[in-house]
Amino acid sequence: MARSTNPTMVWDGTKWVDGTKHVWDGVAWAGQPPVLVYDGSAWQVKAPVASPYPAFTASSAGVFGMADHVGLPVPAQARILDFVVSVCVATAPPQLISPGGYVAQICRLDSGHFVSIAMWPYDGRLGDVVWRVAGSTTATTINLVYRGGDVSSTPIAPVAEIEQHRAVSRVPLTAPGPSTSLFLVLVESTDLTGYAWPEGILARAQQLGRFGALGFSILAADTPGTGASAGALRLDTTAASAVCLTIRVPGLDDGRPTWVLGDDSASVLGSTTVLG
């Protein structure tokens, strides 16, 4: 017995013709269904698009005592192809154990501590970011998530600049570079309770050390821009030492000039400059 079909017919003004089925692609009705992409939370009609200035999404942080391994979850808001920036400060060199396949940049500080930084595009794998800190008496960690980055430009060595200071209550910041500049200030102090970022710098996350114990706090902030000095972070105490790490979160240049308020090199409007 032949299989029958029931085509959809529509009147085109002259005759009945086969109707085309349309589906909503998130923007308009299309004749073909889109290829859906799972971002770790929901099915999307297109893959994430890189932007000139990746945007901060979420963070997690923790401080630990003596341990061989410390773990901290990637924030639940992370989506596929977001950048994860993970930082661990300890008295022994931190080694990135999980996720595997990525290399951390390790810096020895003048204080004798070590800081390790890794950046990678999130692939949706669950579980903690785990650092091996065998022999360390204390460790402070923080994970930050940025959306809209150019994953094709993922840096192996994320730290663009590092400056170290002794006995300071003001920590100078370097000039922000192209794309989004993430400032990580590591403060060694027993009694840090407050601080203030300069105007134009957006505070993003913090993990203060244990009060009364000499350890490191991690303070994180970011800004777009190029060229101009960013000012200084003010502390409510004189820190034994402080370190400013500048990390560039790579974005995708759209070929258009960008006007950044307060930036001497990027705040001059021209005939083709777009204010976004």
Protein backbone atom coordinates (compact mmCIF):
# COMPACT_ATOMS: atom_id res chain seq x y z
CA MET A 1 0.00 0.00 0.00
CA ALA A 2 1.47 3.32 -1.09
CA ARG A 3 2.33 5.80 1.64
CA SER A 4 0.29 8.99 1.38
CA THR A 5 1.45 12.45 2.34
CA ASN A 6 -0.46 15.54 3.27
CA PRO A 7 1.54 18.51 1.98
CA THR A 8 0.76 21.99 3.24
CA MET A 9 -0.71 24.08 0.42
CA VAL A 10 -0.85 27.87 0.29
CA TRP A 11 -2.59 30.22 -2.19
CA ASP A 12 -0.03 32.40 -3.98
CA GLY A 13 -2.68 34.65 -5.52
CA THR A 14 -3.04 32.55 -8.67
CA LYS A 15 -2.95 28.91 -7.64
CA TRP A 16 -2.35 26.53 -4.76
CA VAL A 17 1.33 25.68 -4.27
CA ASP A 18 3.34 23.65 -1.79
CA GLY A 19 3.85 25.69 1.38
CA THR A 20 7.30 26.21 2.87
CA LYS A 21 7.58 25.53 6.54
CA HIS A 22 9.45 28.19 8.49
CA VAL A 23 11.17 28.10 11.87
CA TRP A 24 12.16 30.94 14.19
CA ASP A 25 15.96 31.32 14.27
CA GLY A 26 15.99 33.80 17.12
CA VAL A 27 15.85 36.82 14.82
CA ALA A 28 13.42 36.06 11.98
CA TRP A 29 11.39 33.25 10.39
CA ALA A 30 13.73 31.13 8.25
CA GLY A 31 13.15 28.37 5.74
CA GLN A 32 15.71 26.10 7.36
CA PRO A 33 16.14 25.36 11.04
CA PRO A 34 19.35 26.77 12.51
CA VAL A 35 22.13 24.58 13.85
CA LEU A 36 21.85 24.92 17.62
CA VAL A 37 24.89 25.34 19.88
CA TYR A 38 24.89 24.26 23.53
CA ASP A 39 26.66 26.86 25.69
CA GLY A 40 26.73 24.80 28.88
CA SER A 41 23.37 26.10 30.07
CA ALA A 42 20.98 26.28 27.12
CA TRP A 43 20.77 25.69 23.36
CA GLN A 44 21.65 28.83 21.40
CA VAL A 45 20.99 29.67 17.75
CA LYS A 46 24.60 30.72 17.19
CA ALA A 47 28.02 30.39 18.75
CA PRO A 48 29.25 33.21 21.02
CA VAL A 49 30.57 36.24 19.13
CA ALA A 50 33.89 37.80 20.16
CA SER A 51 33.82 41.51 20.99
CA PRO A 52 36.56 44.16 21.21
CA TYR A 53 36.20 44.36 25.01
CA PRO A 54 35.42 41.07 26.79
CA ALA A 55 33.07 41.64 29.74
CA PHE A 56 33.39 40.37 33.30
CA THR A 57 30.70 37.80 34.14
CA ALA A 58 31.36 36.22 37.55
CA SER A 59 34.01 35.13 40.04
CA SER A 60 34.74 32.73 42.89
CA ALA A 61 37.44 33.00 45.56
CA GLY A 62 38.82 31.27 48.64
CA VAL A 63 41.65 31.27 51.18
CA PHE A 64 43.14 28.02 52.51
CA GLY A 65 45.53 26.88 55.22
CA MET A 66 48.14 24.15 54.93
CA ALA A 67 47.14 21.67 52.21
CA ASP A 68 48.68 19.72 49.34
CA HIS A 69 45.86 20.66 46.95
CA VAL A 70 43.33 23.48 46.87
CA GLY A 71 40.24 23.57 44.66
CA LEU A 72 37.81 26.27 43.70
CA PRO A 73 34.79 25.87 41.38
CA VAL A 74 34.43 27.76 38.12
CA PRO A 75 31.48 30.16 38.65
CA ALA A 76 28.16 28.61 37.64
CA GLN A 77 27.53 31.53 35.26
CA ALA A 78 30.38 30.38 32.96
CA ARG A 79 29.38 29.45 29.41
CA ILE A 80 31.17 27.64 26.59
CA LEU A 81 34.06 29.73 25.16
CA ASP A 82 34.08 32.20 28.05
CA PHE A 83 37.60 32.94 29.28
CA VAL A 84 38.46 31.59 32.73
CA VAL A 85 41.31 33.40 34.52
CA SER A 86 42.54 31.46 37.56
CA VAL A 87 45.07 32.80 40.08
CA CYS A 88 46.74 31.05 43.02
CA VAL A 89 49.14 32.69 45.49
CA ALA A 90 51.03 30.37 47.87
CA THR A 91 54.28 29.91 49.77
CA ALA A 92 55.18 27.05 47.38
CA PRO A 93 54.96 27.14 43.56
CA PRO A 94 51.31 26.37 42.60
CA GLN A 95 50.92 23.85 39.78
CA LEU A 96 47.67 23.61 37.80
CA ILE A 97 46.30 20.06 38.08
CA SER A 98 42.74 20.45 36.78
CA PRO A 99 41.64 21.16 34.14
CA GLY A 100 44.41 19.32 32.35
CA GLY A 101 46.10 20.43 29.16
CA TYR A 102 46.81 24.02 30.18
CA VAL A 103 50.06 25.60 31.35
CA ALA A 104 50.17 28.15 34.18
CA GLN A 105 52.57 31.08 34.25
CA ILE A 106 54.50 31.03 37.56
CA CYS A 107 56.15 34.12 39.05
CA ARG A 108 58.34 34.21 42.18
CA LEU A 109 57.66 37.34 44.21
CA ASP A 110 60.21 39.40 46.15
CA SER A 111 58.38 38.36 49.35
CA GLY A 112 59.33 34.73 48.69
CA HIS A 113 55.77 33.75 47.73
CA PHE A 114 54.71 32.41 44.34
CA VAL A 115 51.80 33.35 42.09
CA SER A 116 50.52 31.21 39.24
CA ILE A 117 48.08 32.44 36.60
CA ALA A 118 46.33 30.45 33.89
CA MET A 119 43.81 31.50 31.24
CA TRP A 120 41.76 29.17 29.05
CA PRO A 121 38.46 29.06 27.11
CA TYR A 122 35.82 27.27 29.17
CA ASP A 123 34.75 23.96 27.60
CA GLY A 124 31.84 23.14 29.90
CA ARG A 125 33.65 20.59 32.06
CA LEU A 126 32.34 20.50 35.60
CA GLY A 127 34.46 20.32 38.74
CA ASP A 128 36.92 22.51 40.58
CA VAL A 129 39.99 24.29 39.32
CA VAL A 130 42.61 22.39 41.34
CA TRP A 131 46.10 23.68 42.22
CA ARG A 132 48.86 21.57 43.75
CA VAL A 133 50.54 23.58 46.53
CA ALA A 134 52.46 20.85 48.38
CA GLY A 135 54.55 22.34 51.18
CA SER A 136 52.63 25.63 51.26
CA THR A 137 51.40 26.97 54.60
CA THR A 138 48.71 29.16 53.03
CA ALA A 139 47.12 29.70 49.63
CA THR A 140 44.72 32.28 48.21
CA THR A 141 42.89 31.58 44.96
CA ILE A 142 40.44 33.35 42.69
CA ASN A 143 38.67 32.45 39.42
CA LEU A 144 37.26 35.11 37.10
CA VAL A 145 35.09 34.60 34.01
CA TYR A 146 35.06 36.94 30.98
CA ARG A 147 32.62 36.72 28.07
CA GLY A 148 33.15 37.81 24.47
CA GLY A 149 36.88 37.14 24.22
CA ASP A 150 38.80 36.06 21.14
CA VAL A 151 39.70 32.46 21.97
CA SER A 152 41.96 32.24 18.90
CA SER A 153 44.30 34.65 20.74
CA THR A 154 44.39 32.78 24.08
CA PRO A 155 47.75 33.69 25.66
CA ILE A 156 50.08 31.04 27.05
CA ALA A 157 51.63 33.65 29.37
CA PRO A 158 48.70 35.83 30.49
CA VAL A 159 50.70 38.36 32.55
CA ALA A 160 51.54 41.40 30.42
CA GLU A 161 53.22 43.38 33.22
CA ILE A 162 54.20 42.86 36.85
CA GLU A 163 55.31 45.51 39.36
CA GLN A 164 56.32 44.85 42.96
CA HIS A 165 56.38 47.28 45.90
CA ARG A 166 57.48 47.24 49.54
CA ALA A 167 55.83 49.04 52.51
CA VAL A 168 53.15 50.88 50.51
CA SER A 169 49.62 52.16 51.07
CA ARG A 170 49.20 53.15 47.39
CA VAL A 171 49.77 50.67 44.56
CA PRO A 172 50.35 52.27 41.13
CA LEU A 173 48.50 50.62 38.24
CA THR A 174 49.98 50.27 34.78
CA ALA A 175 48.42 51.90 31.73
CA PRO A 176 45.58 49.75 30.37
CA GLY A 177 46.31 48.24 26.97
CA PRO A 178 44.14 47.23 24.03
CA SER A 179 41.04 45.17 24.77
CA THR A 180 40.15 44.59 28.45
CA SER A 181 42.90 45.04 31.04
CA LEU A 182 42.50 43.02 34.23
CA PHE A 183 44.41 44.33 37.26
CA LEU A 184 45.23 41.81 39.98
CA VAL A 185 46.75 43.40 43.08
CA LEU A 186 48.25 41.01 45.63
CA VAL A 187 48.52 42.65 49.04
CA GLU A 188 50.61 41.11 51.83
CA SER A 189 49.22 42.41 55.11
CA THR A 190 47.90 41.38 58.52
CA ASP A 191 45.17 44.02 58.76
CA LEU A 192 43.86 45.03 55.33
CA THR A 193 40.12 45.73 55.59
CA GLY A 194 39.44 48.38 52.94
CA TYR A 195 40.71 49.85 49.69
CA ALA A 196 39.64 52.16 46.85
CA TRP A 197 40.26 51.77 43.12
CA PRO A 198 40.88 54.93 41.07
CA GLU A 199 38.08 56.47 39.03
CA GLY A 200 37.36 54.55 35.83
CA ILE A 201 38.59 51.22 37.20
CA LEU A 202 35.76 48.75 37.81
CA ALA A 203 36.09 46.60 40.95
CA ARG A 204 35.27 42.98 40.11
CA ALA A 205 36.24 40.60 42.90
CA GLN A 206 38.25 40.22 46.09
CA GLN A 207 39.55 37.63 48.51
CA LEU A 208 40.92 39.18 51.68
CA GLY A 209 43.45 37.24 53.73
CA ARG A 210 42.81 36.13 57.30
CA PHE A 211 42.87 39.15 59.60
CA GLY A 212 45.81 39.09 62.01
CA ALA A 213 47.80 36.60 59.94
CA LEU A 214 50.42 37.74 57.45
CA GLY A 215 49.06 36.53 54.16
CA PHE A 216 48.01 37.70 50.71
CA SER A 217 44.73 39.28 49.69
CA ILE A 218 43.78 39.29 45.99
CA LEU A 219 41.96 42.36 44.64
CA ALA A 220 40.69 42.32 41.04
CA ALA A 221 39.42 45.12 38.79
CA ASP A 222 39.37 45.87 35.07
CA THR A 223 38.94 48.60 32.48
CA PRO A 224 39.02 49.06 28.71
CA GLY A 225 41.41 51.54 27.15
CA THR A 226 44.87 52.22 25.82
CA GLY A 227 47.69 54.48 26.79
CA ALA A 228 46.77 56.61 29.78
CA SER A 229 47.89 55.91 33.33
CA ALA A 230 45.17 54.22 35.38
CA GLY A 231 46.12 55.84 38.71
CA ALA A 232 46.74 54.00 41.98
CA LEU A 233 44.89 51.63 44.29
CA ARG A 234 44.64 53.08 47.81
CA LEU A 235 44.82 50.77 50.83
CA ASP A 236 43.61 51.46 54.38
CA THR A 237 46.89 50.19 55.80
CA THR A 238 50.57 50.05 54.93
CA ALA A 239 51.15 46.66 53.34
CA ALA A 240 54.35 44.72 53.87
CA SER A 241 54.41 44.18 50.11
CA ALA A 242 52.11 44.59 47.14
CA VAL A 243 52.22 43.28 43.59
CA CYS A 244 50.29 44.58 40.58
CA LEU A 245 49.75 42.07 37.78
CA THR A 246 48.27 43.29 34.49
CA ILE A 247 46.50 40.71 32.35
CA ARG A 248 45.15 41.42 28.87
CA VAL A 249 41.90 39.58 28.16
CA PRO A 250 42.05 39.39 24.34
CA GLY A 251 39.12 40.70 22.33
CA LEU A 252 38.44 40.77 18.60
CA ASP A 253 39.21 44.10 16.94
CA ASP A 254 36.21 45.21 14.87
CA GLY A 255 38.33 47.68 12.87
CA ARG A 256 36.54 50.73 14.25
CA PRO A 257 38.08 53.37 16.52
CA THR A 258 36.85 53.27 20.10
CA TRP A 259 36.34 56.29 22.33
CA VAL A 260 37.24 55.52 25.96
CA LEU A 261 36.29 58.15 28.54
CA GLY A 262 39.31 59.48 30.41
CA ASP A 263 41.88 57.76 28.20
CA ASP A 264 44.35 60.28 26.71
CA SER A 265 45.06 58.00 23.75
CA ALA A 266 41.51 56.89 22.98
CA SER A 267 39.19 59.73 23.97
CA VAL A 268 39.51 61.95 20.90
CA LEU A 269 36.41 61.70 18.71
CA GLY A 270 37.00 61.62 14.97
CA SER A 271 34.78 61.53 11.90
CA THR A 272 34.66 57.70 11.94
CA THR A 273 34.78 57.10 15.69
CA VAL A 274 31.86 55.16 17.13
CA LEU A 275 30.75 55.90 20.68
CA GLY A 276 29.31 52.64 22.03
